[in-house]
Protein backbone atom coordinates (compact mmCIF):
# COMPACT_ATOMS: atom_id res chain seq x y z
CA MET A 1 -38.98 -56.77 -7.93
CA ASN A 2 -39.37 -53.88 -5.41
CA ALA A 3 -35.84 -54.73 -4.25
CA LEU A 4 -34.52 -54.33 -7.73
CA ARG A 5 -36.31 -51.00 -8.28
CA SER A 6 -34.96 -49.89 -4.83
CA SER A 7 -31.46 -50.77 -5.72
CA GLN A 8 -31.62 -48.82 -9.20
CA SER A 9 -33.12 -45.76 -7.50
CA LYS A 10 -30.24 -45.80 -4.88
CA ARG A 11 -27.63 -46.07 -7.87
CA LYS A 12 -29.27 -43.18 -9.69
CA VAL A 13 -29.17 -40.95 -6.50
CA LEU A 14 -25.63 -41.79 -5.78
CA SER A 15 -24.48 -41.06 -9.49
CA ALA A 16 -26.39 -37.68 -9.26
CA LEU A 17 -24.76 -36.84 -6.05
CA ALA A 18 -21.26 -37.85 -7.53
CA ILE A 19 -21.92 -35.58 -10.50
CA TRP A 20 -23.05 -32.57 -8.31
CA SER A 21 -19.91 -33.08 -6.08
CA GLY A 22 -17.73 -32.85 -9.15
CA ILE A 23 -19.44 -29.76 -10.40
CA ILE A 24 -18.97 -28.09 -6.89
CA VAL A 25 -15.30 -28.93 -6.90
CA LEU A 26 -14.82 -27.53 -10.22
CA CYS A 27 -16.62 -24.22 -9.42
CA ALA A 28 -14.71 -23.87 -6.12
CA ALA A 29 -11.17 -24.33 -7.67
CA PRO A 30 -11.03 -20.92 -9.38
CA SER A 31 -11.99 -19.28 -6.04
CA PHE A 32 -9.33 -21.28 -4.06
CA ALA A 33 -6.69 -20.38 -6.66
CA GLN A 34 -7.43 -16.61 -6.23
CA SER A 35 -7.27 -16.93 -2.36
CA SER A 36 -3.98 -18.99 -2.19
CA SER A 37 -0.74 -19.31 -4.13
CA MET A 38 2.08 -21.91 -3.96
CA SER A 39 5.26 -20.64 -2.68
CA PRO A 40 8.37 -20.92 -4.95
CA TYR A 41 10.67 -20.98 -1.82
CA GLN A 42 11.60 -23.94 0.34
CA GLY A 43 10.51 -23.32 4.02
CA GLU A 44 7.97 -20.72 3.11
CA SER A 45 4.25 -21.33 3.66
CA ASP A 46 1.87 -21.11 0.74
CA GLY A 47 0.41 -17.65 0.10
CA VAL A 48 -2.91 -16.30 1.32
CA SER A 49 -4.84 -13.43 0.04
CA VAL A 50 -4.33 -10.09 1.98
CA GLY A 51 -6.86 -8.04 -0.06
CA GLY A 52 -6.94 -7.21 -3.68
CA LYS A 53 -4.36 -8.85 -5.72
CA TRP A 54 -1.92 -9.10 -2.96
CA MET A 55 -0.55 -12.39 -1.49
CA GLU A 56 1.20 -13.01 1.87
CA PHE A 57 3.79 -15.58 2.57
CA LYS A 58 5.42 -16.42 5.74
CA SER A 59 8.58 -18.27 6.90
CA GLU A 60 11.07 -18.33 9.82
CA ASP A 61 14.82 -17.96 9.63
CA LYS A 62 16.26 -21.36 10.55
CA MET A 63 19.26 -19.88 12.41
CA THR A 64 17.98 -16.67 14.11
CA GLY A 65 14.34 -17.66 14.46
CA ALA A 66 13.30 -14.21 12.85
CA LYS A 67 9.61 -14.36 11.71
CA LYS A 68 9.59 -13.25 7.98
CA THR A 69 6.87 -12.09 5.94
CA ARG A 70 6.67 -11.54 2.14
CA PHE A 71 3.91 -9.53 0.34
CA GLU A 72 3.78 -10.03 -3.37
CA LEU A 73 1.82 -8.03 -6.07
CA VAL A 74 1.80 -9.37 -9.58
CA ALA A 75 1.39 -7.13 -12.50
CA ASP A 76 -1.76 -7.01 -14.64
CA ASN A 77 0.41 -7.31 -17.89
CA TYR A 78 3.43 -9.05 -19.35
CA PHE A 79 6.61 -7.72 -21.00
CA LYS A 80 7.62 -8.58 -24.57
CA GLU A 81 10.67 -10.69 -23.71
CA ASP A 82 8.92 -13.33 -21.40
CA PRO A 83 5.08 -13.59 -21.83
CA ASP A 84 5.16 -16.29 -19.25
CA TYR A 85 6.39 -14.10 -16.44
CA GLN A 86 4.46 -11.15 -15.16
CA PRO A 87 6.53 -8.23 -13.51
CA ARG A 88 6.03 -8.33 -9.72
CA ILE A 89 6.60 -6.35 -6.56
CA GLU A 90 7.76 -7.91 -3.30
CA LEU A 91 7.87 -6.47 0.16
CA THR A 92 10.08 -8.51 2.49
CA CYS A 93 9.84 -7.90 6.23
CA SER A 94 11.67 -9.47 9.21
CA ASP A 95 10.46 -9.34 12.88
CA GLY A 96 8.21 -6.46 12.12
CA LYS A 97 10.41 -4.32 10.03
CA LEU A 98 10.68 -3.73 6.25
CA THR A 99 14.01 -5.27 5.03
CA LEU A 100 13.42 -4.99 1.17
CA ALA A 101 11.03 -3.76 -1.43
CA ASP A 102 11.93 -4.79 -4.88
CA PHE A 103 10.55 -4.55 -8.27
CA ASN A 104 11.36 -7.51 -10.63
CA PRO A 105 10.31 -6.91 -14.22
CA GLY A 106 11.40 -10.26 -15.40
CA GLU A 107 13.73 -8.73 -18.09
CA LYS A 108 17.28 -8.16 -18.27
CA MET A 109 18.35 -4.47 -17.61
CA ARG A 110 21.53 -2.45 -17.49
CA PRO A 111 22.24 0.29 -15.13
CA ASN A 112 21.72 3.61 -16.96
CA ARG A 113 22.71 6.29 -14.38
CA PRO A 114 25.77 7.21 -12.22
CA PRO A 115 26.28 4.76 -9.32
CA GLY A 116 24.55 5.71 -5.86
CA PHE A 117 26.34 7.16 -2.88
CA TRP A 118 27.85 3.76 -1.90
CA GLY A 119 28.74 2.88 -5.57
CA GLN A 120 25.57 0.85 -6.17
CA PRO A 121 24.52 0.51 -9.80
CA GLN A 122 21.19 2.29 -10.48
CA ILE A 123 18.60 2.30 -13.15
CA GLU A 124 16.29 5.37 -13.70
CA VAL A 125 12.58 4.39 -13.71
CA MET A 126 9.53 6.54 -14.17
CA VAL A 127 6.87 5.75 -11.56
CA ARG A 128 3.08 6.69 -11.70
CA VAL A 129 1.23 6.64 -8.35
CA ASP A 130 -2.40 7.56 -8.97
CA ASP A 131 -2.33 11.11 -10.61
CA THR A 132 1.28 11.84 -9.95
CA HIS A 133 4.49 10.70 -11.70
CA LYS A 134 8.05 11.03 -10.82
CA TYR A 135 11.50 9.78 -11.84
CA ARG A 136 13.42 7.49 -9.48
CA GLY A 137 17.01 6.00 -9.25
CA TRP A 138 16.64 2.46 -8.02
CA ASN A 139 19.40 0.18 -6.99
CA TRP A 140 20.10 -2.66 -9.41
CA LEU A 141 20.10 -5.90 -7.63
CA PRO A 142 22.26 -8.98 -8.80
CA HIS A 143 19.08 -11.00 -9.63
CA HIS A 144 17.99 -8.29 -12.03
CA ALA A 145 15.53 -6.78 -9.67
CA LEU A 146 15.37 -3.16 -8.51
CA SER A 147 15.40 -2.01 -4.92
CA MET A 148 12.58 0.46 -4.54
CA ASP A 149 12.82 3.55 -2.13
CA LYS A 150 10.76 3.54 1.02
CA GLY A 151 8.80 6.59 0.16
CA THR A 152 7.56 5.10 -3.16
CA THR A 153 6.77 1.87 -1.31
CA ARG A 154 4.63 3.74 1.16
CA GLU A 155 2.87 5.49 -1.65
CA LEU A 156 2.28 2.08 -3.42
CA ILE A 157 0.50 0.49 -0.56
CA GLY A 158 -2.12 3.20 -0.47
CA ALA A 159 -2.55 3.70 -4.13
CA GLN A 160 -5.34 2.79 -6.58
CA ILE A 161 -2.91 2.96 -9.64
CA PHE A 162 0.72 2.11 -9.73
CA LYS A 163 2.88 1.93 -12.89
CA VAL A 164 6.67 1.57 -13.46
CA GLU A 165 8.27 2.28 -16.75
CA VAL A 166 11.74 0.81 -17.29
CA PRO A 167 14.35 0.56 -19.91
CA THR A 168 14.66 -3.00 -21.24
CA ARG A 169 16.21 -4.45 -24.41
CA GLU A 170 13.00 -4.32 -26.16
CA GLY A 171 12.86 -0.62 -25.35
CA ARG A 172 11.01 1.21 -22.56
CA GLN A 173 8.14 -0.87 -21.19
CA ILE A 174 5.45 -0.19 -18.59
CA ALA A 175 4.54 -2.73 -15.85
CA GLU A 176 0.86 -1.97 -14.61
CA PHE A 177 -0.25 -2.84 -11.15
CA SER A 178 -3.64 -2.84 -9.27
CA PRO A 179 -2.46 -2.32 -5.52
CA ALA A 180 -5.98 -1.39 -4.18
CA GLY A 181 -7.46 -3.48 -1.45
CA LEU A 182 -4.41 -4.47 0.50
CA ASN A 183 -5.02 -5.07 4.17
CA LEU A 184 -2.90 -2.21 5.58
CA ASP A 185 -3.27 -3.27 9.17
CA GLU A 186 -1.54 -6.63 8.33
CA VAL A 187 1.33 -4.57 6.64
CA ARG A 188 1.68 -2.31 9.47
CA HIS A 189 1.86 -5.27 11.80
CA ALA A 190 4.38 -7.30 9.74
CA CYS A 191 6.53 -4.42 8.44
CA ASP A 192 5.91 -1.26 10.35
CA LEU A 193 4.81 0.37 7.08
CA THR A 194 1.95 2.88 6.78
CA PRO A 195 0.72 4.35 3.51
CA LYS A 196 1.42 7.98 2.56
CA LYS A 197 -0.06 10.21 -0.08
CA PRO A 198 1.94 10.56 -3.30
CA SER A 199 3.91 13.79 -3.59
CA LYS A 200 4.79 15.62 -6.77
CA ASP A 201 8.62 16.33 -7.29
């Protein structure tokens, strides 16, 4: 009789432990999701948080061996055309230098200003950095992203508020970002990039 009771008690304890283990895993899942992100690119490590809403992805060029780092900041909102895709900013660095800073709205755009000095198609955007705003002509890239200028990129990484207004087929829309909290030492090491205060044009 005692053996039967002992066996039943062990089963109850094991059942309780299993339930609590499941609860702990479920509670930890959202925290893990916020501190990591799967990479969409082959050969690139999954992203890890580098402060605030920024994610960092690392890879290595298979031919040259160059160490690559990509920082990604996803917008707080969606555009009308694709509610499943949030606009985003990506800073791409190779061997300690910034090679590209691009803004991808997830919407099709058409160049709306004269080409740049080298004939690059450009789109005029309005940018807000904290309490300042300005117009910028950003080069239009073939995959429907825009190449940001280095000055605005440096203002972005030190900002609390960052917004980009772009012309789309649905009219002018604003992508809203929360860039605060980025580990600036990590960006300086990976991209040789330091923040600067926004200037009024």
